[in-house]
């Protein structure tokens, strides 16, 4: 396995574990909307994970994980409960009026949670999407709407300062 793949799988495990911790135990309750978590990657360097908590169902919809020393972002989409794992590649697109980004992957079962994860290069498109809010579509079918409220822009800016130095 290439070093990039090991990093992606390690980061994915951290992201999924953070989401499970926030959903299952909620020692510090996750706020509706954006939540920023800080940890260390397997090499002991800072890692940032930004997760969007859907306010009605109280579950994470999407997470972004990055570190300042890597050029990629790990994006994980959490489909609705009851979605079955499969081996088919799904197109997960997140788009606003001005920006769009896409990643592909199967529905994978990771520790009992079905997810689609992708590794994407850091881009200004992602920053624009995070600041504006976006619609998540899977295979051209709208799946969720993510809102960035004005009071949460500081959380987005903190992620950008930590990962896009």
C-alpha atoms as a PDB file:
ATOM      1  CA  UNK A   1       0.000   0.000   0.000  1.00  0.00           C
ATOM      2  CA  UNK A   2       1.391   3.415  -0.950  1.00  0.00           C
ATOM      3  CA  UNK A   3       2.128   5.938   1.833  1.00  0.00           C
ATOM      4  CA  UNK A   4      -0.716   8.157   0.590  1.00  0.00           C
ATOM      5  CA  UNK A   5      -3.143   5.246   0.870  1.00  0.00           C
ATOM      6  CA  UNK A   6      -1.985   4.429   4.411  1.00  0.00           C
ATOM      7  CA  UNK A   7      -2.495   8.085   5.373  1.00  0.00           C
ATOM      8  CA  UNK A   8      -5.961   8.150   3.779  1.00  0.00           C
ATOM      9  CA  UNK A   9      -7.078   4.968   5.545  1.00  0.00           C
ATOM     10  CA  UNK A  10      -5.631   6.149   8.865  1.00  0.00           C
ATOM     11  CA  UNK A  11      -7.331   9.515   8.534  1.00  0.00           C
ATOM     12  CA  UNK A  12     -10.592   7.857   7.539  1.00  0.00           C
ATOM     13  CA  UNK A  13     -10.461   5.734  10.684  1.00  0.00           C
ATOM     14  CA  UNK A  14      -9.916   8.839  12.828  1.00  0.00           C
ATOM     15  CA  UNK A  15     -12.784  10.681  11.121  1.00  0.00           C
ATOM     16  CA  UNK A  16     -15.197   7.760  11.502  1.00  0.00           C
ATOM     17  CA  UNK A  17     -14.158   7.318  15.144  1.00  0.00           C
ATOM     18  CA  UNK A  18     -14.749  11.014  15.850  1.00  0.00           C
ATOM     19  CA  UNK A  19     -18.181  10.843  14.243  1.00  0.00           C
ATOM     20  CA  UNK A  20     -19.078   7.698  16.213  1.00  0.00           C
ATOM     21  CA  UNK A  21     -17.917   9.350  19.428  1.00  0.00           C
ATOM     22  CA  UNK A  22     -19.966  12.467  18.738  1.00  0.00           C
ATOM     23  CA  UNK A  23     -23.061  10.491  17.717  1.00  0.00           C
ATOM     24  CA  UNK A  24     -22.937   7.725  20.306  1.00  0.00           C
ATOM     25  CA  UNK A  25     -21.630   9.307  23.490  1.00  0.00           C
ATOM     26  CA  UNK A  26     -21.636  13.054  22.844  1.00  0.00           C
ATOM     27  CA  UNK A  27     -19.378  13.874  25.831  1.00  0.00           C
ATOM     28  CA  UNK A  28     -19.359  17.410  24.438  1.00  0.00           C
ATOM     29  CA  UNK A  29     -22.616  17.639  22.488  1.00  0.00           C
ATOM     30  CA  UNK A  30     -22.123  18.316  18.805  1.00  0.00           C
ATOM     31  CA  UNK A  31     -23.764  21.538  17.724  1.00  0.00           C
ATOM     32  CA  UNK A  32     -26.198  21.675  14.859  1.00  0.00           C
ATOM     33  CA  UNK A  33     -24.257  22.581  11.744  1.00  0.00           C
ATOM     34  CA  UNK A  34     -20.471  22.660  11.616  1.00  0.00           C
ATOM     35  CA  UNK A  35     -18.240  21.178  14.332  1.00  0.00           C
ATOM     36  CA  UNK A  36     -14.440  21.323  14.266  1.00  0.00           C
ATOM     37  CA  UNK A  37     -12.359  18.621  15.955  1.00  0.00           C
ATOM     38  CA  UNK A  38      -8.594  18.608  16.434  1.00  0.00           C
ATOM     39  CA  UNK A  39      -6.474  15.484  16.854  1.00  0.00           C
ATOM     40  CA  UNK A  40      -3.062  14.188  15.911  1.00  0.00           C
ATOM     41  CA  UNK A  41      -2.438  12.047  12.850  1.00  0.00           C
ATOM     42  CA  UNK A  42      -0.473   8.778  13.201  1.00  0.00           C
ATOM     43  CA  UNK A  43       2.777  10.777  12.886  1.00  0.00           C
ATOM     44  CA  UNK A  44       1.830  13.090  15.779  1.00  0.00           C
ATOM     45  CA  UNK A  45       1.068  16.106  13.581  1.00  0.00           C
ATOM     46  CA  UNK A  46      -2.119  18.172  13.909  1.00  0.00           C
ATOM     47  CA  UNK A  47      -5.182  16.971  12.056  1.00  0.00           C
ATOM     48  CA  UNK A  48      -8.433  18.859  11.651  1.00  0.00           C
ATOM     49  CA  UNK A  49     -11.830  17.281  11.064  1.00  0.00           C
ATOM     50  CA  UNK A  50     -14.832  19.383  10.164  1.00  0.00           C
ATOM     51  CA  UNK A  51     -18.187  17.608  10.450  1.00  0.00           C
ATOM     52  CA  UNK A  52     -21.677  18.801   9.609  1.00  0.00           C
ATOM     53  CA  UNK A  53     -24.338  17.721  12.127  1.00  0.00           C
ATOM     54  CA  UNK A  54     -27.761  17.613  10.491  1.00  0.00           C
ATOM     55  CA  UNK A  55     -30.074  19.425  12.931  1.00  0.00           C
ATOM     56  CA  UNK A  56     -33.254  17.364  12.483  1.00  0.00           C
ATOM     57  CA  UNK A  57     -31.896  13.793  12.394  1.00  0.00           C
ATOM     58  CA  UNK A  58     -28.907  14.651  14.649  1.00  0.00           C
ATOM     59  CA  UNK A  59     -26.410  12.717  12.548  1.00  0.00           C
ATOM     60  CA  UNK A  60     -23.306  13.714  10.650  1.00  0.00           C
ATOM     61  CA  UNK A  61     -23.852  14.158   6.905  1.00  0.00           C
ATOM     62  CA  UNK A  62     -20.333  14.886   5.719  1.00  0.00           C
ATOM     63  CA  UNK A  63     -16.858  15.307   7.212  1.00  0.00           C
ATOM     64  CA  UNK A  64     -13.628  16.788   5.908  1.00  0.00           C
ATOM     65  CA  UNK A  65     -10.274  15.810   7.358  1.00  0.00           C
ATOM     66  CA  UNK A  66      -6.983  17.488   6.564  1.00  0.00           C
ATOM     67  CA  UNK A  67      -3.533  18.244   7.909  1.00  0.00           C
ATOM     68  CA  UNK A  68      -1.354  21.264   7.125  1.00  0.00           C
ATOM     69  CA  UNK A  69       1.511  19.144   5.751  1.00  0.00           C
ATOM     70  CA  UNK A  70      -0.481  17.169   3.140  1.00  0.00           C
ATOM     71  CA  UNK A  71      -2.061  18.363  -0.097  1.00  0.00           C
ATOM     72  CA  UNK A  72      -5.180  16.227   0.164  1.00  0.00           C
ATOM     73  CA  UNK A  73      -8.486  16.374   1.985  1.00  0.00           C
ATOM     74  CA  UNK A  74     -10.359  13.222   3.036  1.00  0.00           C
ATOM     75  CA  UNK A  75     -14.078  13.717   2.439  1.00  0.00           C
ATOM     76  CA  UNK A  76     -16.592  11.272   3.929  1.00  0.00           C
ATOM     77  CA  UNK A  77     -20.299  11.269   3.122  1.00  0.00           C
ATOM     78  CA  UNK A  78     -22.607   9.460   5.569  1.00  0.00           C
ATOM     79  CA  UNK A  79     -25.706   8.198   3.706  1.00  0.00           C
ATOM     80  CA  UNK A  80     -29.028   7.823   5.527  1.00  0.00           C
ATOM     81  CA  UNK A  81     -29.349   5.015   8.091  1.00  0.00           C
ATOM     82  CA  UNK A  82     -30.318   1.736   6.479  1.00  0.00           C
ATOM     83  CA  UNK A  83     -28.203   2.276   3.349  1.00  0.00           C
ATOM     84  CA  UNK A  84     -26.584  -1.030   2.420  1.00  0.00           C
ATOM     85  CA  UNK A  85     -22.890  -1.409   1.646  1.00  0.00           C
ATOM     86  CA  UNK A  86     -22.095  -2.249  -1.980  1.00  0.00           C
ATOM     87  CA  UNK A  87     -19.190  -2.412  -4.399  1.00  0.00           C
ATOM     88  CA  UNK A  88     -20.643  -0.052  -7.017  1.00  0.00           C
ATOM     89  CA  UNK A  89     -18.912   3.297  -7.499  1.00  0.00           C
ATOM     90  CA  UNK A  90     -21.165   6.218  -6.547  1.00  0.00           C
ATOM     91  CA  UNK A  91     -20.694   9.815  -7.631  1.00  0.00           C
ATOM     92  CA  UNK A  92     -20.917  12.119  -4.606  1.00  0.00           C
ATOM     93  CA  UNK A  93     -21.141  15.746  -5.684  1.00  0.00           C
ATOM     94  CA  UNK A  94     -21.313  18.778  -3.450  1.00  0.00           C
ATOM     95  CA  UNK A  95     -22.319  21.936  -5.241  1.00  0.00           C
ATOM     96  CA  UNK A  96     -23.383  25.526  -4.666  1.00  0.00           C
ATOM     97  CA  UNK A  97     -24.319  28.152  -7.240  1.00  0.00           C
ATOM     98  CA  UNK A  98     -20.661  29.064  -7.801  1.00  0.00           C
ATOM     99  CA  UNK A  99     -18.620  25.977  -6.854  1.00  0.00           C
ATOM    100  CA  UNK A 100     -18.660  22.210  -7.231  1.00  0.00           C
ATOM    101  CA  UNK A 101     -16.519  19.238  -6.234  1.00  0.00           C
ATOM    102  CA  UNK A 102     -16.990  15.503  -6.817  1.00  0.00           C
ATOM    103  CA  UNK A 103     -15.591  12.249  -5.496  1.00  0.00           C
ATOM    104  CA  UNK A 104     -16.399   8.607  -6.242  1.00  0.00           C
ATOM    105  CA  UNK A 105     -16.547   5.452  -4.180  1.00  0.00           C
ATOM    106  CA  UNK A 106     -18.652   2.498  -3.072  1.00  0.00           C
ATOM    107  CA  UNK A 107     -20.823   2.417   0.022  1.00  0.00           C
ATOM    108  CA  UNK A 108     -18.379   0.850   2.500  1.00  0.00           C
ATOM    109  CA  UNK A 109     -19.195  -0.576   5.898  1.00  0.00           C
ATOM    110  CA  UNK A 110     -16.643   0.827   8.354  1.00  0.00           C
ATOM    111  CA  UNK A 111     -17.209  -0.383  11.908  1.00  0.00           C
ATOM    112  CA  UNK A 112     -20.946  -0.735  11.306  1.00  0.00           C
ATOM    113  CA  UNK A 113     -21.357   2.687   9.635  1.00  0.00           C
ATOM    114  CA  UNK A 114     -21.898   2.843   5.869  1.00  0.00           C
ATOM    115  CA  UNK A 115     -19.848   5.650   4.292  1.00  0.00           C
ATOM    116  CA  UNK A 116     -18.489   6.830   0.957  1.00  0.00           C
ATOM    117  CA  UNK A 117     -15.040   8.339   1.251  1.00  0.00           C
ATOM    118  CA  UNK A 118     -12.798  10.090  -1.185  1.00  0.00           C
ATOM    119  CA  UNK A 119      -9.352  11.631  -1.201  1.00  0.00           C
ATOM    120  CA  UNK A 120      -9.257  14.946  -3.020  1.00  0.00           C
ATOM    121  CA  UNK A 121      -6.612  17.621  -3.542  1.00  0.00           C
ATOM    122  CA  UNK A 122      -7.093  20.827  -1.540  1.00  0.00           C
ATOM    123  CA  UNK A 123      -8.715  23.528  -3.651  1.00  0.00           C
ATOM    124  CA  UNK A 124     -10.234  26.988  -3.540  1.00  0.00           C
ATOM    125  CA  UNK A 125     -13.471  25.350  -4.761  1.00  0.00           C
ATOM    126  CA  UNK A 126     -13.710  23.477  -1.446  1.00  0.00           C
ATOM    127  CA  UNK A 127     -13.193  26.686   0.519  1.00  0.00           C
ATOM    128  CA  UNK A 128     -15.966  28.363  -1.471  1.00  0.00           C
ATOM    129  CA  UNK A 129     -18.317  25.429  -0.884  1.00  0.00           C
ATOM    130  CA  UNK A 130     -17.649  25.329   2.843  1.00  0.00           C
ATOM    131  CA  UNK A 131     -18.250  29.058   3.207  1.00  0.00           C
ATOM    132  CA  UNK A 132     -21.398  29.154   1.039  1.00  0.00           C
ATOM    133  CA  UNK A 133     -23.132  25.908   1.963  1.00  0.00           C
ATOM    134  CA  UNK A 134     -24.007  23.297  -0.636  1.00  0.00           C
ATOM    135  CA  UNK A 135     -26.253  20.485  -1.813  1.00  0.00           C
ATOM    136  CA  UNK A 136     -24.948  16.912  -1.649  1.00  0.00           C
ATOM    137  CA  UNK A 137     -26.072  14.716  -4.549  1.00  0.00           C
ATOM    138  CA  UNK A 138     -25.395  11.014  -4.955  1.00  0.00           C
ATOM    139  CA  UNK A 139     -25.597   9.651  -8.491  1.00  0.00           C
ATOM    140  CA  UNK A 140     -27.364  12.882  -9.600  1.00  0.00           C
ATOM    141  CA  UNK A 141     -30.043  12.579  -6.888  1.00  0.00           C
ATOM    142  CA  UNK A 142     -30.110  15.347  -4.254  1.00  0.00           C
ATOM    143  CA  UNK A 143     -29.433  13.755  -0.855  1.00  0.00           C
ATOM    144  CA  UNK A 144     -28.923  16.611   1.626  1.00  0.00           C
ATOM    145  CA  UNK A 145     -28.512  20.351   2.044  1.00  0.00           C
ATOM    146  CA  UNK A 146     -25.658  21.756   4.127  1.00  0.00           C
ATOM    147  CA  UNK A 147     -26.040  25.312   5.440  1.00  0.00           C
ATOM    148  CA  UNK A 148     -23.191  27.479   6.664  1.00  0.00           C
ATOM    149  CA  UNK A 149     -24.739  29.982   9.042  1.00  0.00           C
ATOM    150  CA  UNK A 150     -23.019  33.368   9.478  1.00  0.00           C
ATOM    151  CA  UNK A 151     -22.101  32.519  13.081  1.00  0.00           C
ATOM    152  CA  UNK A 152     -20.271  29.377  11.863  1.00  0.00           C
ATOM    153  CA  UNK A 153     -18.019  31.068   9.306  1.00  0.00           C
ATOM    154  CA  UNK A 154     -15.346  31.372  12.032  1.00  0.00           C
ATOM    155  CA  UNK A 155     -15.237  27.554  12.314  1.00  0.00           C
ATOM    156  CA  UNK A 156     -14.669  27.282   8.557  1.00  0.00           C
ATOM    157  CA  UNK A 157     -11.966  29.968   8.725  1.00  0.00           C
ATOM    158  CA  UNK A 158     -10.244  28.080  11.555  1.00  0.00           C
ATOM    159  CA  UNK A 159     -10.131  24.919   9.418  1.00  0.00           C
ATOM    160  CA  UNK A 160      -8.774  26.885   6.458  1.00  0.00           C
ATOM    161  CA  UNK A 161      -6.075  28.514   8.619  1.00  0.00           C
ATOM    162  CA  UNK A 162      -5.071  25.072   9.965  1.00  0.00           C
ATOM    163  CA  UNK A 163      -5.065  23.161   6.684  1.00  0.00           C
ATOM    164  CA  UNK A 164      -4.485  25.675   3.907  1.00  0.00           C
ATOM    165  CA  UNK A 165      -1.483  27.608   5.313  1.00  0.00           C
END
